[in-house]
Amino acid sequence: AVEHRWRKKLIALYSTILNDLKMIPEDNVYRMNTENIYREFLRIVSNVGDTDWRIVERKIGLGQVEQLIFIAMDERELVQNYAEWKLWLIPVETVREICDETAIDTFAYDAGAPQPYLS
């Protein structure tokens, strides 16, 4: 279905995601990456008019604006769960037990993560 209020919804969702990320430590890689992504998305959506959905779809490159709304709703839920569950506190050894090495390489444990959570 066509979403006629796509711009208003995306601005609200992107703003909520950015606000909710404040519940996660500033040096957390997931927070830093997600903030960068959604700041850019918010900038793109904020700088177009209500009829410029084609520009947004092209610049963001993740599908139609209706799909962007669903993606943002999922991200909002993920941010809230990540903060509630304090996933940044899970030791990397535990992650290794439940993930294969490929997943660990792409997980939020990198050189910028706090040392106690690296091995």
C-alpha atoms as a PDB file:
ATOM      1  CA  ALA A   1       0.000   0.000   0.000  1.00  0.00           C
ATOM      2  CA  VAL A   2       1.159   3.505  -0.719  1.00  0.00           C
ATOM      3  CA  GLU A   3       2.118   5.432   2.410  1.00  0.00           C
ATOM      4  CA  HIS A   4       1.121   9.061   1.918  1.00  0.00           C
ATOM      5  CA  ARG A   5       2.668  10.251   5.201  1.00  0.00           C
ATOM      6  CA  TRP A   6       5.989   8.497   4.537  1.00  0.00           C
ATOM      7  CA  ARG A   7       8.165  11.548   5.228  1.00  0.00           C
ATOM      8  CA  LYS A   8       6.572  12.366   8.581  1.00  0.00           C
ATOM      9  CA  LYS A   9       6.783   8.704   9.637  1.00  0.00           C
ATOM     10  CA  LEU A  10      10.413   8.318   8.619  1.00  0.00           C
ATOM     11  CA  ILE A  11      11.457  11.515  10.389  1.00  0.00           C
ATOM     12  CA  ALA A  12       9.702  10.361  13.560  1.00  0.00           C
ATOM     13  CA  LEU A  13      11.193   6.862  13.384  1.00  0.00           C
ATOM     14  CA  TYR A  14      14.718   8.049  12.598  1.00  0.00           C
ATOM     15  CA  SER A  15      14.536  10.611  15.416  1.00  0.00           C
ATOM     16  CA  THR A  16      13.306   7.959  17.851  1.00  0.00           C
ATOM     17  CA  ILE A  17      16.114   5.582  16.876  1.00  0.00           C
ATOM     18  CA  LEU A  18      18.725   8.304  17.391  1.00  0.00           C
ATOM     19  CA  ASN A  19      17.229   9.218  20.754  1.00  0.00           C
ATOM     20  CA  ASP A  20      16.982   5.599  21.913  1.00  0.00           C
ATOM     21  CA  LEU A  21      20.610   4.951  20.972  1.00  0.00           C
ATOM     22  CA  LYS A  22      21.559   7.268  23.852  1.00  0.00           C
ATOM     23  CA  MET A  23      20.717   4.347  26.185  1.00  0.00           C
ATOM     24  CA  ILE A  24      23.753   2.486  24.799  1.00  0.00           C
ATOM     25  CA  PRO A  25      27.328   3.460  25.773  1.00  0.00           C
ATOM     26  CA  GLU A  26      28.851   6.079  23.458  1.00  0.00           C
ATOM     27  CA  ASP A  27      31.882   3.910  22.613  1.00  0.00           C
ATOM     28  CA  ASN A  28      29.763   0.929  21.544  1.00  0.00           C
ATOM     29  CA  VAL A  29      30.389   0.022  17.905  1.00  0.00           C
ATOM     30  CA  TYR A  30      26.728  -0.816  17.202  1.00  0.00           C
ATOM     31  CA  ARG A  31      25.668   2.576  18.568  1.00  0.00           C
ATOM     32  CA  MET A  32      28.318   4.473  16.612  1.00  0.00           C
ATOM     33  CA  ASN A  33      27.526   2.731  13.317  1.00  0.00           C
ATOM     34  CA  THR A  34      23.762   2.982  13.754  1.00  0.00           C
ATOM     35  CA  GLU A  35      23.969   6.662  14.695  1.00  0.00           C
ATOM     36  CA  ASN A  36      26.002   7.407  11.574  1.00  0.00           C
ATOM     37  CA  ILE A  37      23.544   5.575   9.351  1.00  0.00           C
ATOM     38  CA  TYR A  38      20.366   7.066  10.804  1.00  0.00           C
ATOM     39  CA  ARG A  39      21.766  10.601  11.048  1.00  0.00           C
ATOM     40  CA  GLU A  40      22.417  10.409   7.314  1.00  0.00           C
ATOM     41  CA  PHE A  41      18.970   8.928   6.622  1.00  0.00           C
ATOM     42  CA  LEU A  42      17.345  11.666   8.713  1.00  0.00           C
ATOM     43  CA  ARG A  43      19.340  14.332   6.862  1.00  0.00           C
ATOM     44  CA  ILE A  44      18.221  12.934   3.501  1.00  0.00           C
ATOM     45  CA  VAL A  45      14.537  12.734   4.469  1.00  0.00           C
ATOM     46  CA  SER A  46      14.549  16.133   6.201  1.00  0.00           C
ATOM     47  CA  ASN A  47      15.982  17.877   3.152  1.00  0.00           C
ATOM     48  CA  VAL A  48      13.307  16.832   0.655  1.00  0.00           C
ATOM     49  CA  GLY A  49       9.661  17.674   0.182  1.00  0.00           C
ATOM     50  CA  ASP A  50       6.668  15.427   0.773  1.00  0.00           C
ATOM     51  CA  THR A  51       6.531  14.465  -2.902  1.00  0.00           C
ATOM     52  CA  ASP A  52      10.244  13.661  -3.307  1.00  0.00           C
ATOM     53  CA  TRP A  53      10.023   9.993  -2.346  1.00  0.00           C
ATOM     54  CA  ARG A  54      11.976   8.922  -5.443  1.00  0.00           C
ATOM     55  CA  ILE A  55      14.966  10.976  -4.303  1.00  0.00           C
ATOM     56  CA  VAL A  56      14.869   9.358  -0.860  1.00  0.00           C
ATOM     57  CA  GLU A  57      14.576   5.852  -2.299  1.00  0.00           C
ATOM     58  CA  ARG A  58      17.520   6.472  -4.629  1.00  0.00           C
ATOM     59  CA  LYS A  59      19.779   8.112  -2.024  1.00  0.00           C
ATOM     60  CA  ILE A  60      19.120   5.599   0.768  1.00  0.00           C
ATOM     61  CA  GLY A  61      19.064   2.671  -1.631  1.00  0.00           C
ATOM     62  CA  LEU A  62      17.212   0.172   0.550  1.00  0.00           C
ATOM     63  CA  GLY A  63      13.893  -0.003  -1.266  1.00  0.00           C
ATOM     64  CA  GLN A  64      10.674   1.948  -1.393  1.00  0.00           C
ATOM     65  CA  VAL A  65       9.734   4.402   1.352  1.00  0.00           C
ATOM     66  CA  GLU A  66       7.190   1.904   2.668  1.00  0.00           C
ATOM     67  CA  GLN A  67      10.023  -0.611   3.075  1.00  0.00           C
ATOM     68  CA  LEU A  68      12.174   2.035   4.748  1.00  0.00           C
ATOM     69  CA  ILE A  69       9.426   2.479   7.332  1.00  0.00           C
ATOM     70  CA  PHE A  70       9.430  -1.255   8.112  1.00  0.00           C
ATOM     71  CA  ILE A  71      13.232  -1.308   8.296  1.00  0.00           C
ATOM     72  CA  ALA A  72      13.196   1.636  10.709  1.00  0.00           C
ATOM     73  CA  MET A  73      10.504   0.011  12.867  1.00  0.00           C
ATOM     74  CA  ASP A  74      12.653  -3.130  13.122  1.00  0.00           C
ATOM     75  CA  GLU A  75      15.763  -1.085  13.937  1.00  0.00           C
ATOM     76  CA  ARG A  76      13.878   0.824  16.628  1.00  0.00           C
ATOM     77  CA  GLU A  77      12.876  -2.470  18.246  1.00  0.00           C
ATOM     78  CA  LEU A  78      16.430  -3.789  17.970  1.00  0.00           C
ATOM     79  CA  VAL A  79      17.877  -0.668  19.621  1.00  0.00           C
ATOM     80  CA  GLN A  80      15.391  -0.949  22.487  1.00  0.00           C
ATOM     81  CA  ASN A  81      16.148  -4.655  22.986  1.00  0.00           C
ATOM     82  CA  TYR A  82      19.900  -4.103  22.708  1.00  0.00           C
ATOM     83  CA  ALA A  83      19.703  -1.459  25.437  1.00  0.00           C
ATOM     84  CA  GLU A  84      17.324  -3.453  27.654  1.00  0.00           C
ATOM     85  CA  TRP A  85      19.433  -6.610  27.413  1.00  0.00           C
ATOM     86  CA  LYS A  86      22.726  -4.676  27.739  1.00  0.00           C
ATOM     87  CA  LEU A  87      24.238  -6.725  24.946  1.00  0.00           C
ATOM     88  CA  TRP A  88      27.503  -4.768  25.108  1.00  0.00           C
ATOM     89  CA  LEU A  89      28.223  -6.576  28.376  1.00  0.00           C
ATOM     90  CA  ILE A  90      28.271 -10.058  26.830  1.00  0.00           C
ATOM     91  CA  PRO A  91      31.852 -11.378  26.848  1.00  0.00           C
ATOM     92  CA  VAL A  92      33.242 -12.328  23.452  1.00  0.00           C
ATOM     93  CA  GLU A  93      33.728 -15.925  24.688  1.00  0.00           C
ATOM     94  CA  THR A  94      29.970 -16.255  25.065  1.00  0.00           C
ATOM     95  CA  VAL A  95      29.442 -14.856  21.598  1.00  0.00           C
ATOM     96  CA  ARG A  96      31.910 -17.421  20.232  1.00  0.00           C
ATOM     97  CA  GLU A  97      29.903 -20.231  21.822  1.00  0.00           C
ATOM     98  CA  ILE A  98      26.725 -19.242  20.002  1.00  0.00           C
ATOM     99  CA  CYS A  99      28.052 -17.793  16.729  1.00  0.00           C
ATOM    100  CA  ASP A 100      30.295 -19.076  14.001  1.00  0.00           C
ATOM    101  CA  GLU A 101      33.529 -17.212  13.240  1.00  0.00           C
ATOM    102  CA  THR A 102      31.987 -15.344  10.279  1.00  0.00           C
ATOM    103  CA  ALA A 103      29.301 -13.874  12.520  1.00  0.00           C
ATOM    104  CA  ILE A 104      31.869 -12.885  15.121  1.00  0.00           C
ATOM    105  CA  ASP A 105      33.896 -11.024  12.501  1.00  0.00           C
ATOM    106  CA  THR A 106      30.858  -8.898  11.653  1.00  0.00           C
ATOM    107  CA  PHE A 107      29.617  -8.591  15.237  1.00  0.00           C
ATOM    108  CA  ALA A 108      30.136  -5.406  17.264  1.00  0.00           C
ATOM    109  CA  TYR A 109      33.452  -6.608  18.676  1.00  0.00           C
ATOM    110  CA  ASP A 110      36.290  -4.827  16.958  1.00  0.00           C
ATOM    111  CA  ALA A 111      39.311  -2.738  17.839  1.00  0.00           C
ATOM    112  CA  GLY A 112      37.050  -0.021  19.208  1.00  0.00           C
ATOM    113  CA  ALA A 113      35.326  -2.295  21.726  1.00  0.00           C
ATOM    114  CA  PRO A 114      36.312  -2.161  25.410  1.00  0.00           C
ATOM    115  CA  GLN A 115      39.293  -4.423  26.099  1.00  0.00           C
ATOM    116  CA  PRO A 116      37.577  -6.730  28.650  1.00  0.00           C
ATOM    117  CA  TYR A 117      35.304  -7.904  25.849  1.00  0.00           C
ATOM    118  CA  LEU A 118      38.087  -8.749  23.412  1.00  0.00           C
ATOM    119  CA  SER A 119      40.403 -11.699  23.443  1.00  0.00           C
END
